[in-house]
Amino acid sequence: MASSTVTSAQPERPPRPNLAFRRLRGKRSPAEFAAAVRRAAREIGERVSCDARYVGRVEAGEIRCPNYAYERVFLHMFPGRTLTDLGFAPRSSVRGRQARTTGESRGAGEPYETYDAQDVRDTQDLYETHDNNEESDVLRRAFMTSGATVAAASLGPLGLALDAAAAGRPTRRAGTGEAGALEEAVRRIRLLDDRHGADGLYRRAAAPLRTAYALLDAGASRQATADRLYTGAGELAISVGWLAHDSGRFDDARSHYAEALATARMNGDAGLEAHAFCNMAFLARDAGRPREAVRAAQAAQRAARPLGSDRLMSLLALREAGGWAGLADRVGCEQALARAQAFYGRGPSDTDPEWMSFYGEAELEGLEAQCWSTLGDWPRAARHARRAADLQDPHFTRNLALYSAELADDLARGGRPDEAAGAGMRVLDLLGEVQSSRIHTMLAGTARVLLPHRRSPSVSTFLDRHGALPRPA
């Protein structure tokens, strides 16, 4: 367990509140303003996980300069203004080694993330200091210097942290910089998966996961930081597990999810426990263990109930519905689907976990489509899959391809081959951007169902183009 003892150091000057930003928020609550930030991000193709807590940290002056994604969003929201007009400090004054005024070890500058010490600091950790040592710098840089625009490149530098472990150097205690960088690594992996799929990411993501647990083993300088590290490491284990899951490596996924669950229980983190059980239920369904899926989803709901998030309870009810569908229990499935719809209808709240940013009406429709497909109700499944594809934000390419693949399969099995071929062609158009074994497997199943209809020109075109695809490794 991490010690809460901190080396004595001269505290730095408290941050100045950002009054300009507070004025721009106006009469909106922090949660309402955060929702407006997320909407503005979607308008320009960005994805930020803004919540009321982030808005509060900006207004308190804890975030002196936002990272580039937030900068683009804020400037889109307030055209004609500069970061300085919004109350932020000039970027040159808060980044890089030349700008240091304390003994903290900061990450090297790079084009996509800017981390001042206060960008990643909880209020209760405001005066925490870190030793300026080589190991801390290596670990920090491992999480902070991964900023490329393509999936394969962006995770590569995270492996730098393994060099220190291989050299056998002693690891110093982690601070809020490492905790914040770990949290950002989780966000980046999720974003890249949304845009590109899992196949190209999984092997690269294993290295930062090992680094995260090395940070845990090293301990932290404060208990609040240790808690963030435990949660961050657990969330990263779930993200890496999902990459394994989506690329068909079920045994690896099961191991990562179990590691996340153990981390949650060691730290008494109900939110992380609910997330781990949620993904375990999804994996069990896909692996052909529907009864385990039901039990895992029910365990997730028990863990999540005190958290107060209706959207989380909605998703977990859908996980349970998937298990009941796998057991061919239509009544149980319909009851769980009704609960999912009821919880979803209560709307979002500040208690919704950050990782649930993917869960909207499109995902709800897509998961319901999968339930009806499992039960063999192809027309109903196709209706929900079509709605999911229509509702999906086109920036999230992987999910758009997934829902379209579900639609193609439901139409094919429902006796509508020409429509199925059209939906399949839309999936093929997206495969240049998406690498997902799950989607390739679904499309291959659709192609087999359509083979008897090859005389149809549209089906023949689809089958020929699908047959020319390179086989997934």
Protein backbone atom coordinates (compact mmCIF):
# COMPACT_ATOMS: atom_id res chain seq x y z
CA MET A 1 0.00 0.00 0.00
CA ALA A 2 1.17 3.51 -0.71
CA SER A 3 2.29 5.68 2.13
CA SER A 4 0.70 9.06 2.66
CA THR A 5 3.96 10.56 3.90
CA VAL A 6 5.30 13.40 1.77
CA THR A 7 8.79 14.80 1.76
CA SER A 8 8.82 18.29 3.22
CA ALA A 9 9.11 20.99 0.58
CA GLN A 10 8.37 24.66 0.11
CA PRO A 11 4.77 24.91 -1.11
CA GLU A 12 4.19 26.63 -4.42
CA ARG A 13 1.94 29.65 -4.86
CA PRO A 14 -1.78 28.79 -4.91
CA PRO A 15 -3.48 29.17 -8.31
CA ARG A 16 -5.42 32.28 -9.23
CA PRO A 17 -9.11 31.76 -10.06
CA ASN A 18 -9.96 32.10 -13.75
CA LEU A 19 -12.63 34.78 -13.51
CA ALA A 20 -12.80 35.34 -17.28
CA PHE A 21 -13.76 31.72 -17.88
CA ARG A 22 -16.31 31.89 -15.06
CA ARG A 23 -17.95 34.91 -16.71
CA LEU A 24 -18.18 33.04 -20.00
CA ARG A 25 -20.07 30.22 -18.29
CA GLY A 26 -22.74 32.74 -17.31
CA LYS A 27 -25.87 31.33 -15.66
CA ARG A 28 -25.23 27.76 -16.78
CA SER A 29 -24.30 25.21 -14.14
CA PRO A 30 -20.88 23.54 -14.42
CA ALA A 31 -22.60 20.36 -15.67
CA GLU A 32 -24.59 22.29 -18.30
CA PHE A 33 -21.46 24.09 -19.47
CA ALA A 34 -19.55 20.78 -19.64
CA ALA A 35 -22.31 19.36 -21.83
CA ALA A 36 -21.99 22.39 -24.12
CA VAL A 37 -18.23 21.79 -24.35
CA ARG A 38 -18.79 18.16 -25.36
CA ARG A 39 -21.34 19.21 -28.00
CA ALA A 40 -18.95 21.80 -29.41
CA ALA A 41 -16.22 19.14 -29.56
CA ARG A 42 -18.45 16.85 -31.61
CA GLU A 43 -19.18 19.71 -34.01
CA ILE A 44 -15.49 19.93 -34.98
CA GLY A 45 -14.66 16.23 -34.77
CA GLU A 46 -12.88 16.40 -31.40
CA ARG A 47 -13.62 14.23 -28.41
CA VAL A 48 -13.10 15.56 -24.90
CA SER A 49 -14.29 14.10 -21.62
CA CYS A 50 -15.38 17.36 -20.07
CA ASP A 51 -17.41 17.18 -16.88
CA ALA A 52 -18.41 19.54 -14.06
CA ARG A 53 -15.23 18.72 -12.17
CA TYR A 54 -13.05 19.80 -15.09
CA VAL A 55 -14.97 23.08 -15.39
CA GLY A 56 -14.48 23.67 -11.68
CA ARG A 57 -10.75 23.05 -11.96
CA VAL A 58 -10.47 25.53 -14.83
CA GLU A 59 -12.39 28.19 -12.92
CA ALA A 60 -10.31 27.57 -9.79
CA GLY A 61 -7.15 28.20 -11.81
CA GLU A 62 -5.82 24.68 -11.38
CA ILE A 63 -5.61 24.25 -15.16
CA ARG A 64 -3.51 27.17 -16.29
CA CYS A 65 -3.51 26.18 -19.97
CA PRO A 66 -5.65 23.47 -21.62
CA ASN A 67 -4.30 20.78 -23.90
CA TYR A 68 -4.66 21.30 -27.64
CA ALA A 69 -7.93 19.39 -27.98
CA TYR A 70 -9.62 21.59 -25.38
CA GLU A 71 -8.02 24.67 -26.90
CA ARG A 72 -9.60 23.91 -30.29
CA VAL A 73 -12.98 23.35 -28.66
CA PHE A 74 -12.87 26.52 -26.56
CA LEU A 75 -11.81 28.66 -29.52
CA HIS A 76 -14.64 27.12 -31.56
CA MET A 77 -17.11 27.98 -28.79
CA PHE A 78 -15.85 31.55 -28.46
CA PRO A 79 -14.75 32.66 -31.92
CA GLY A 80 -12.49 35.69 -32.11
CA ARG A 81 -11.05 35.12 -28.64
CA THR A 82 -7.60 33.88 -27.71
CA LEU A 83 -6.61 31.61 -24.84
CA THR A 84 -5.54 34.70 -22.92
CA ASP A 85 -9.00 36.22 -23.46
CA LEU A 86 -10.43 33.05 -21.90
CA GLY A 87 -8.32 33.59 -18.80
CA PHE A 88 -5.58 31.04 -19.52
CA ALA A 89 -1.86 31.61 -19.21
CA PRO A 90 0.26 31.73 -22.38
CA ARG A 91 1.32 28.22 -23.36
CA SER A 92 4.98 29.20 -23.36
CA SER A 93 4.78 30.02 -19.67
CA VAL A 94 3.50 26.63 -18.53
CA ARG A 95 5.20 23.98 -20.67
CA GLY A 96 8.63 22.52 -21.13
CA ARG A 97 11.72 22.34 -18.98
CA GLN A 98 12.64 25.97 -19.64
CA ALA A 99 9.50 27.11 -17.84
CA ARG A 100 10.17 25.25 -14.59
CA THR A 101 10.08 27.25 -11.43
CA THR A 102 9.96 24.27 -9.05
CA GLY A 103 11.83 21.04 -8.66
CA GLU A 104 9.07 19.00 -10.31
CA SER A 105 9.93 16.55 -13.06
CA ARG A 106 7.74 17.29 -16.06
CA GLY A 107 7.20 15.58 -19.34
CA ALA A 108 8.84 16.63 -22.53
CA GLY A 109 6.70 18.89 -24.68
CA GLU A 110 4.85 17.40 -27.64
CA PRO A 111 2.22 18.60 -30.05
CA TYR A 112 -0.96 17.10 -28.62
CA GLU A 113 -0.86 17.31 -24.83
CA THR A 114 0.26 20.06 -22.49
CA TYR A 115 0.77 19.13 -18.87
CA ASP A 116 1.56 21.73 -16.34
CA ALA A 117 1.73 20.26 -12.85
CA GLN A 118 -1.60 21.86 -12.04
CA ASP A 119 -3.27 20.45 -15.16
CA VAL A 120 -3.46 17.06 -13.51
CA ARG A 121 -3.71 17.94 -9.85
CA ASP A 122 -6.58 17.33 -7.48
CA THR A 123 -7.36 20.25 -5.21
CA GLN A 124 -6.28 18.30 -2.14
CA ASP A 125 -2.91 17.63 -3.81
CA LEU A 126 -2.29 21.29 -4.58
CA TYR A 127 1.01 21.58 -2.74
CA GLU A 128 2.41 18.18 -3.56
CA THR A 129 5.98 18.12 -4.90
CA HIS A 130 7.94 15.44 -6.74
CA ASP A 131 11.58 14.49 -6.82
CA ASN A 132 13.34 15.48 -10.02
CA ASN A 133 14.92 12.15 -10.88
CA GLU A 134 15.62 10.13 -13.96
CA GLU A 135 13.18 7.32 -13.23
CA SER A 136 10.27 9.67 -12.61
CA ASP A 137 11.05 11.44 -15.87
CA VAL A 138 11.17 8.17 -17.83
CA LEU A 139 7.84 7.00 -16.44
CA ARG A 140 6.20 10.36 -16.93
CA ARG A 141 7.47 10.71 -20.49
CA ALA A 142 6.20 7.22 -21.26
CA PHE A 143 2.64 8.46 -20.81
CA MET A 144 3.04 12.03 -21.96
CA THR A 145 4.88 11.85 -25.27
CA SER A 146 2.49 9.69 -27.28
CA GLY A 147 0.92 12.21 -29.61
CA ALA A 148 0.46 11.04 -33.20
CA THR A 149 -2.59 11.16 -35.38
CA VAL A 150 -2.63 7.50 -36.32
CA ALA A 151 -3.23 4.57 -34.05
CA ALA A 152 -0.03 2.67 -34.63
CA ALA A 153 2.24 5.65 -34.08
CA SER A 154 0.51 7.17 -31.10
CA LEU A 155 1.03 4.31 -28.68
CA GLY A 156 4.58 3.47 -29.64
CA PRO A 157 6.43 5.91 -27.35
CA LEU A 158 4.59 4.60 -24.29
CA GLY A 159 6.90 1.62 -24.37
CA LEU A 160 9.82 3.85 -23.40
CA ALA A 161 8.94 3.34 -19.77
CA LEU A 162 9.93 -0.29 -19.96
CA ASP A 163 13.58 0.71 -20.44
CA ALA A 164 13.92 1.76 -16.84
CA ALA A 165 12.37 -1.43 -15.52
CA ALA A 166 14.63 -3.53 -17.73
CA ALA A 167 17.67 -1.67 -16.42
CA GLY A 168 16.68 -2.55 -12.86
CA ARG A 169 16.79 1.03 -11.59
CA PRO A 170 14.86 1.74 -8.40
CA THR A 171 11.51 3.42 -8.99
CA ARG A 172 10.69 6.58 -7.05
CA ARG A 173 7.21 7.31 -5.81
CA ALA A 174 4.70 8.56 -8.34
CA GLY A 175 2.96 11.91 -8.06
CA THR A 176 -0.01 13.67 -9.61
CA GLY A 177 1.85 14.13 -12.89
CA GLU A 178 2.09 10.38 -13.40
CA ALA A 179 -1.50 9.88 -12.26
CA GLY A 180 -2.77 12.48 -14.71
CA ALA A 181 -0.67 11.10 -17.54
CA LEU A 182 -2.00 7.60 -16.85
CA GLU A 183 -5.57 8.89 -17.00
CA GLU A 184 -4.81 10.62 -20.29
CA ALA A 185 -3.31 7.40 -21.71
CA VAL A 186 -6.61 5.64 -20.98
CA ARG A 187 -8.56 8.39 -22.75
CA ARG A 188 -6.28 8.21 -25.78
CA ILE A 189 -6.61 4.45 -26.15
CA ARG A 190 -10.40 4.75 -26.01
CA LEU A 191 -10.40 7.51 -28.59
CA LEU A 192 -8.15 5.57 -30.96
CA ASP A 193 -10.30 2.46 -30.59
CA ASP A 194 -13.42 4.48 -31.42
CA ARG A 195 -11.79 5.76 -34.58
CA HIS A 196 -9.69 2.83 -35.77
CA GLY A 197 -10.70 -0.38 -33.97
CA ALA A 198 -8.65 -2.67 -31.78
CA ASP A 199 -6.49 -4.82 -34.04
CA GLY A 200 -3.69 -2.31 -34.56
CA LEU A 201 -3.63 -1.19 -30.93
CA TYR A 202 -3.64 -4.24 -28.71
CA ARG A 203 0.00 -5.29 -28.82
CA ARG A 204 1.21 -1.72 -28.39
CA ALA A 205 -1.08 -1.10 -25.42
CA ALA A 206 0.41 -3.93 -23.33
CA ALA A 207 3.57 -1.92 -22.61
CA PRO A 208 1.86 1.07 -20.96
CA LEU A 209 -0.23 -1.34 -18.89
CA ARG A 210 2.94 -2.90 -17.47
CA THR A 211 4.22 0.60 -16.77
CA ALA A 212 1.01 1.48 -14.93
CA TYR A 213 1.39 -1.45 -12.56
CA ALA A 214 5.07 -0.56 -12.09
CA LEU A 215 3.90 2.86 -10.92
CA LEU A 216 1.49 1.19 -8.50
CA ASP A 217 4.25 -1.00 -7.14
CA ALA A 218 6.47 2.04 -6.61
CA GLY A 219 3.88 3.68 -4.41
CA ALA A 220 2.71 7.28 -4.33
CA SER A 221 3.57 10.33 -2.31
CA ARG A 222 -0.03 10.87 -1.15
CA GLN A 223 -3.00 8.59 -0.59
CA ALA A 224 -5.17 10.65 -2.96
CA THR A 225 -2.59 10.12 -5.69
CA ALA A 226 -2.40 6.40 -4.90
CA ASP A 227 -6.17 6.14 -5.31
CA ARG A 228 -5.95 7.82 -8.72
CA LEU A 229 -3.17 5.46 -9.75
CA TYR A 230 -5.19 2.40 -8.72
CA THR A 231 -8.23 3.62 -10.64
CA GLY A 232 -6.11 4.61 -13.64
CA ALA A 233 -4.31 1.28 -13.74
CA GLY A 234 -7.59 -0.59 -13.45
CA GLU A 235 -9.21 1.46 -16.21
CA LEU A 236 -6.16 0.90 -18.41
CA ALA A 237 -6.39 -2.86 -17.76
CA ILE A 238 -10.04 -2.73 -18.88
CA SER A 239 -9.14 -0.74 -22.00
CA VAL A 240 -6.37 -3.18 -22.94
CA GLY A 241 -8.75 -6.04 -22.17
CA TRP A 242 -11.30 -4.53 -24.52
CA LEU A 243 -8.69 -4.27 -27.28
CA ALA A 244 -7.97 -7.99 -26.78
CA HIS A 245 -11.71 -8.74 -26.68
CA ASP A 246 -12.53 -6.81 -29.85
CA SER A 247 -9.63 -8.41 -31.72
CA GLY A 248 -10.77 -11.94 -30.78
CA ARG A 249 -8.20 -12.69 -28.05
CA PHE A 250 -10.76 -13.79 -25.47
CA ASP A 251 -8.34 -15.47 -23.05
CA ASP A 252 -6.18 -12.36 -22.91
CA ALA A 253 -9.25 -10.20 -22.40
CA ARG A 254 -10.47 -12.37 -19.53
CA SER A 255 -7.09 -12.04 -17.82
CA HIS A 256 -7.02 -8.24 -18.16
CA TYR A 257 -10.58 -7.86 -16.90
CA ALA A 258 -9.80 -10.07 -13.90
CA GLU A 259 -6.75 -7.93 -13.16
CA ALA A 260 -8.92 -4.81 -13.23
CA LEU A 261 -11.48 -6.43 -10.92
CA ALA A 262 -8.76 -7.38 -8.43
CA THR A 263 -7.40 -3.82 -8.54
CA ALA A 264 -10.88 -2.44 -7.87
CA ARG A 265 -11.47 -4.68 -4.90
CA MET A 266 -8.04 -4.02 -3.38
CA ASN A 267 -8.79 -0.30 -3.44
CA GLY A 268 -12.50 -0.48 -2.59
CA ASP A 269 -13.40 1.23 -5.89
CA ALA A 270 -17.06 0.46 -6.65
CA GLY A 271 -17.02 2.35 -9.95
CA LEU A 272 -14.06 0.41 -11.26
CA GLU A 273 -15.62 -2.86 -10.04
CA ALA A 274 -18.84 -2.11 -11.91
CA HIS A 275 -16.87 -1.33 -15.08
CA ALA A 276 -14.85 -4.54 -14.83
CA PHE A 277 -17.97 -6.68 -14.32
CA CYS A 278 -19.67 -4.82 -17.21
CA ASN A 279 -16.92 -5.84 -19.61
CA MET A 280 -16.74 -9.36 -18.18
CA ALA A 281 -20.44 -9.76 -18.93
CA PHE A 282 -19.91 -8.58 -22.50
CA LEU A 283 -16.98 -10.97 -22.94
CA ALA A 284 -18.91 -13.92 -21.49
CA ARG A 285 -21.73 -13.29 -23.94
CA ASP A 286 -19.36 -13.19 -26.90
CA ALA A 287 -17.50 -16.28 -25.68
CA GLY A 288 -20.71 -18.34 -25.56
CA ARG A 289 -21.15 -18.30 -21.76
CA PRO A 290 -24.53 -16.54 -21.46
CA ARG A 291 -25.28 -17.60 -17.88
CA GLU A 292 -21.96 -16.13 -16.77
CA ALA A 293 -22.88 -12.98 -18.70
CA VAL A 294 -26.11 -12.64 -16.71
CA ARG A 295 -24.37 -13.16 -13.37
CA ALA A 296 -21.55 -10.74 -14.19
CA ALA A 297 -24.05 -8.08 -15.31
CA GLN A 298 -26.05 -8.53 -12.12
CA ALA A 299 -22.86 -8.22 -10.05
CA ALA A 300 -22.05 -5.03 -11.94
CA GLN A 301 -25.49 -3.63 -11.10
CA ARG A 302 -25.01 -4.38 -7.40
CA ALA A 303 -21.69 -2.52 -7.44
CA ALA A 304 -23.09 0.39 -9.48
CA ARG A 305 -26.35 0.98 -7.63
CA PRO A 306 -24.85 3.27 -4.92
CA LEU A 307 -23.06 5.36 -7.57
CA GLY A 308 -26.28 7.07 -8.67
CA SER A 309 -25.76 6.90 -12.45
CA ASP A 310 -28.92 5.97 -14.34
CA ARG A 311 -27.02 5.75 -17.62
CA LEU A 312 -24.60 3.22 -16.10
CA MET A 313 -27.51 1.15 -14.78
CA SER A 314 -29.05 1.29 -18.27
CA LEU A 315 -25.92 -0.10 -19.89
CA LEU A 316 -25.60 -2.83 -17.28
CA ALA A 317 -29.22 -3.85 -17.82
CA LEU A 318 -28.40 -4.19 -21.53
CA ARG A 319 -25.46 -6.44 -20.65
CA GLU A 320 -27.86 -8.60 -18.65
CA ALA A 321 -30.33 -8.63 -21.54
CA GLY A 322 -27.59 -9.95 -23.82
CA GLY A 323 -27.03 -12.85 -21.46
CA TRP A 324 -30.73 -13.69 -21.27
CA ALA A 325 -30.91 -13.62 -25.06
CA GLY A 326 -28.03 -16.09 -25.21
CA LEU A 327 -30.02 -18.38 -22.90
CA ALA A 328 -33.02 -18.04 -25.28
CA ASP A 329 -34.99 -16.52 -22.38
CA ARG A 330 -37.13 -13.99 -24.23
CA VAL A 331 -39.05 -12.90 -21.13
CA GLY A 332 -35.88 -12.27 -19.13
CA CYS A 333 -34.39 -10.39 -22.07
CA GLU A 334 -37.45 -8.19 -22.55
CA GLN A 335 -37.56 -7.35 -18.83
CA ALA A 336 -33.91 -6.32 -18.83
CA LEU A 337 -34.41 -4.27 -22.02
CA ALA A 338 -37.35 -2.47 -20.42
CA ARG A 339 -35.18 -1.57 -17.40
CA ALA A 340 -32.43 -0.36 -19.73
CA GLN A 341 -34.87 1.92 -21.58
CA ALA A 342 -36.36 3.23 -18.32
CA PHE A 343 -32.96 4.07 -16.82
CA TYR A 344 -31.81 5.66 -20.07
CA GLY A 345 -34.94 7.82 -20.20
CA ARG A 346 -33.99 9.47 -16.91
CA GLY A 347 -31.21 11.26 -18.72
CA PRO A 348 -27.52 11.92 -18.02
CA SER A 349 -26.09 13.19 -14.76
CA ASP A 350 -22.85 14.38 -13.23
CA THR A 351 -22.39 10.91 -11.71
CA ASP A 352 -22.07 9.20 -15.12
CA PRO A 353 -18.57 7.69 -15.41
CA GLU A 354 -16.19 9.28 -17.88
CA TRP A 355 -15.63 5.97 -19.69
CA MET A 356 -19.31 5.88 -20.66
CA SER A 357 -18.95 8.72 -23.17
CA PHE A 358 -19.58 6.13 -25.95
CA TYR A 359 -23.00 5.25 -24.54
CA GLY A 360 -25.76 7.15 -26.25
CA GLU A 361 -28.95 6.34 -28.09
CA ALA A 362 -27.02 4.76 -30.96
CA GLU A 363 -25.27 2.29 -28.64
CA LEU A 364 -28.53 1.49 -26.86
CA GLU A 365 -30.17 0.69 -30.20
CA GLY A 366 -27.16 -1.33 -31.33
CA LEU A 367 -27.09 -3.49 -28.20
CA GLU A 368 -30.83 -4.07 -28.40
CA ALA A 369 -30.39 -5.12 -32.03
CA GLN A 370 -27.85 -7.72 -30.90
CA CYS A 371 -30.34 -9.11 -28.39
CA TRP A 372 -33.08 -9.55 -31.00
CA SER A 373 -30.58 -11.03 -33.42
CA THR A 374 -29.52 -13.61 -30.83
CA LEU A 375 -33.19 -14.47 -30.28
CA GLY A 376 -33.64 -14.91 -34.06
CA ASP A 377 -36.07 -12.01 -34.51
CA TRP A 378 -34.34 -10.67 -37.63
CA PRO A 379 -36.84 -7.96 -38.68
CA ARG A 380 -36.83 -6.43 -35.21
CA ALA A 381 -33.05 -6.69 -34.99
CA ALA A 382 -32.69 -4.97 -38.37
CA ARG A 383 -34.94 -2.08 -37.31
CA HIS A 384 -32.81 -1.37 -34.25
CA ALA A 385 -29.53 -1.84 -36.12
CA ARG A 386 -30.65 0.59 -38.84
CA ARG A 387 -31.62 3.12 -36.18
CA ALA A 388 -28.23 2.68 -34.50
CA ALA A 389 -26.36 3.31 -37.74
CA ASP A 390 -28.50 6.37 -38.52
CA LEU A 391 -27.95 7.85 -35.05
CA GLN A 392 -24.21 7.19 -34.83
CA ASP A 393 -21.89 10.19 -35.02
CA PRO A 394 -19.87 9.56 -38.21
CA HIS A 395 -16.65 10.58 -36.46
CA PHE A 396 -16.77 7.34 -34.46
CA THR A 397 -15.96 5.18 -37.43
CA ARG A 398 -15.63 1.87 -35.63
CA ASN A 399 -19.13 1.97 -34.15
CA LEU A 400 -20.62 3.10 -37.45
CA ALA A 401 -19.00 0.10 -39.13
CA LEU A 402 -20.16 -2.20 -36.31
CA TYR A 403 -23.82 -1.14 -36.49
CA SER A 404 -23.80 -1.33 -40.28
CA ALA A 405 -22.32 -4.85 -40.11
CA GLU A 406 -25.04 -5.84 -37.64
CA LEU A 407 -27.65 -4.44 -40.00
CA ALA A 408 -26.20 -6.30 -43.00
CA ASP A 409 -26.24 -9.60 -41.11
CA ASP A 410 -29.79 -9.13 -39.80
CA LEU A 411 -31.08 -8.27 -43.28
CA ALA A 412 -29.30 -11.25 -44.83
CA ARG A 413 -30.68 -13.68 -42.28
CA GLY A 414 -34.11 -12.07 -42.56
CA GLY A 415 -34.34 -12.85 -46.27
CA ARG A 416 -33.51 -9.41 -47.71
CA PRO A 417 -30.26 -10.11 -49.60
CA ASP A 418 -30.09 -7.00 -51.78
CA GLU A 419 -30.51 -4.66 -48.81
CA ALA A 420 -27.98 -6.73 -46.89
CA ALA A 421 -25.47 -6.36 -49.71
CA GLY A 422 -25.97 -2.58 -49.71
CA ALA A 423 -25.33 -2.39 -45.97
CA GLY A 424 -22.32 -4.67 -46.38
CA MET A 425 -20.87 -2.38 -49.03
CA ARG A 426 -21.08 0.53 -46.59
CA VAL A 427 -19.06 -1.50 -44.09
CA LEU A 428 -16.46 -2.31 -46.74
CA ASP A 429 -16.12 1.42 -47.45
CA LEU A 430 -15.19 1.96 -43.78
CA LEU A 431 -12.67 -0.85 -43.42
CA GLY A 432 -9.82 1.32 -44.66
CA GLU A 433 -10.12 3.27 -41.41
CA VAL A 434 -11.16 0.47 -39.04
CA GLN A 435 -9.25 -2.61 -37.94
CA SER A 436 -11.58 -4.84 -35.92
CA SER A 437 -11.63 -8.62 -35.98
CA ARG A 438 -15.17 -8.49 -34.63
CA ILE A 439 -16.39 -6.58 -37.68
CA HIS A 440 -14.45 -8.81 -40.10
CA THR A 441 -15.99 -11.89 -38.47
CA MET A 442 -19.51 -10.47 -38.70
CA LEU A 443 -19.02 -9.55 -42.35
CA ALA A 444 -17.67 -13.01 -43.16
CA GLY A 445 -20.81 -14.54 -41.63
CA THR A 446 -22.99 -12.26 -43.72
CA ALA A 447 -21.09 -13.25 -46.87
CA ARG A 448 -21.73 -16.96 -46.15
CA VAL A 449 -25.45 -16.32 -45.73
CA LEU A 450 -25.55 -14.39 -49.01
CA LEU A 451 -23.72 -16.99 -51.10
CA PRO A 452 -26.93 -18.70 -52.32
CA HIS A 453 -28.07 -15.30 -53.68
CA ARG A 454 -24.97 -14.69 -55.78
CA ARG A 455 -27.01 -14.30 -58.98
CA SER A 456 -28.22 -10.95 -57.70
CA PRO A 457 -25.91 -8.24 -59.13
CA SER A 458 -25.72 -6.31 -55.85
CA VAL A 459 -24.96 -9.46 -53.87
CA SER A 460 -22.37 -10.56 -56.42
CA THR A 461 -20.62 -7.18 -56.25
CA PHE A 462 -20.52 -7.36 -52.45
CA LEU A 463 -19.21 -10.95 -52.42
CA ASP A 464 -16.51 -10.16 -54.96
CA ARG A 465 -15.33 -7.13 -53.06
CA HIS A 466 -15.46 -8.98 -49.73
CA GLY A 467 -13.52 -11.88 -51.21
CA ALA A 468 -10.76 -9.49 -52.29
CA LEU A 469 -10.20 -8.25 -48.72
CA PRO A 470 -6.83 -9.14 -47.16
CA ARG A 471 -7.36 -11.72 -44.46
CA PRO A 472 -6.91 -10.37 -40.90
CA ALA A 473 -3.65 -11.50 -39.28
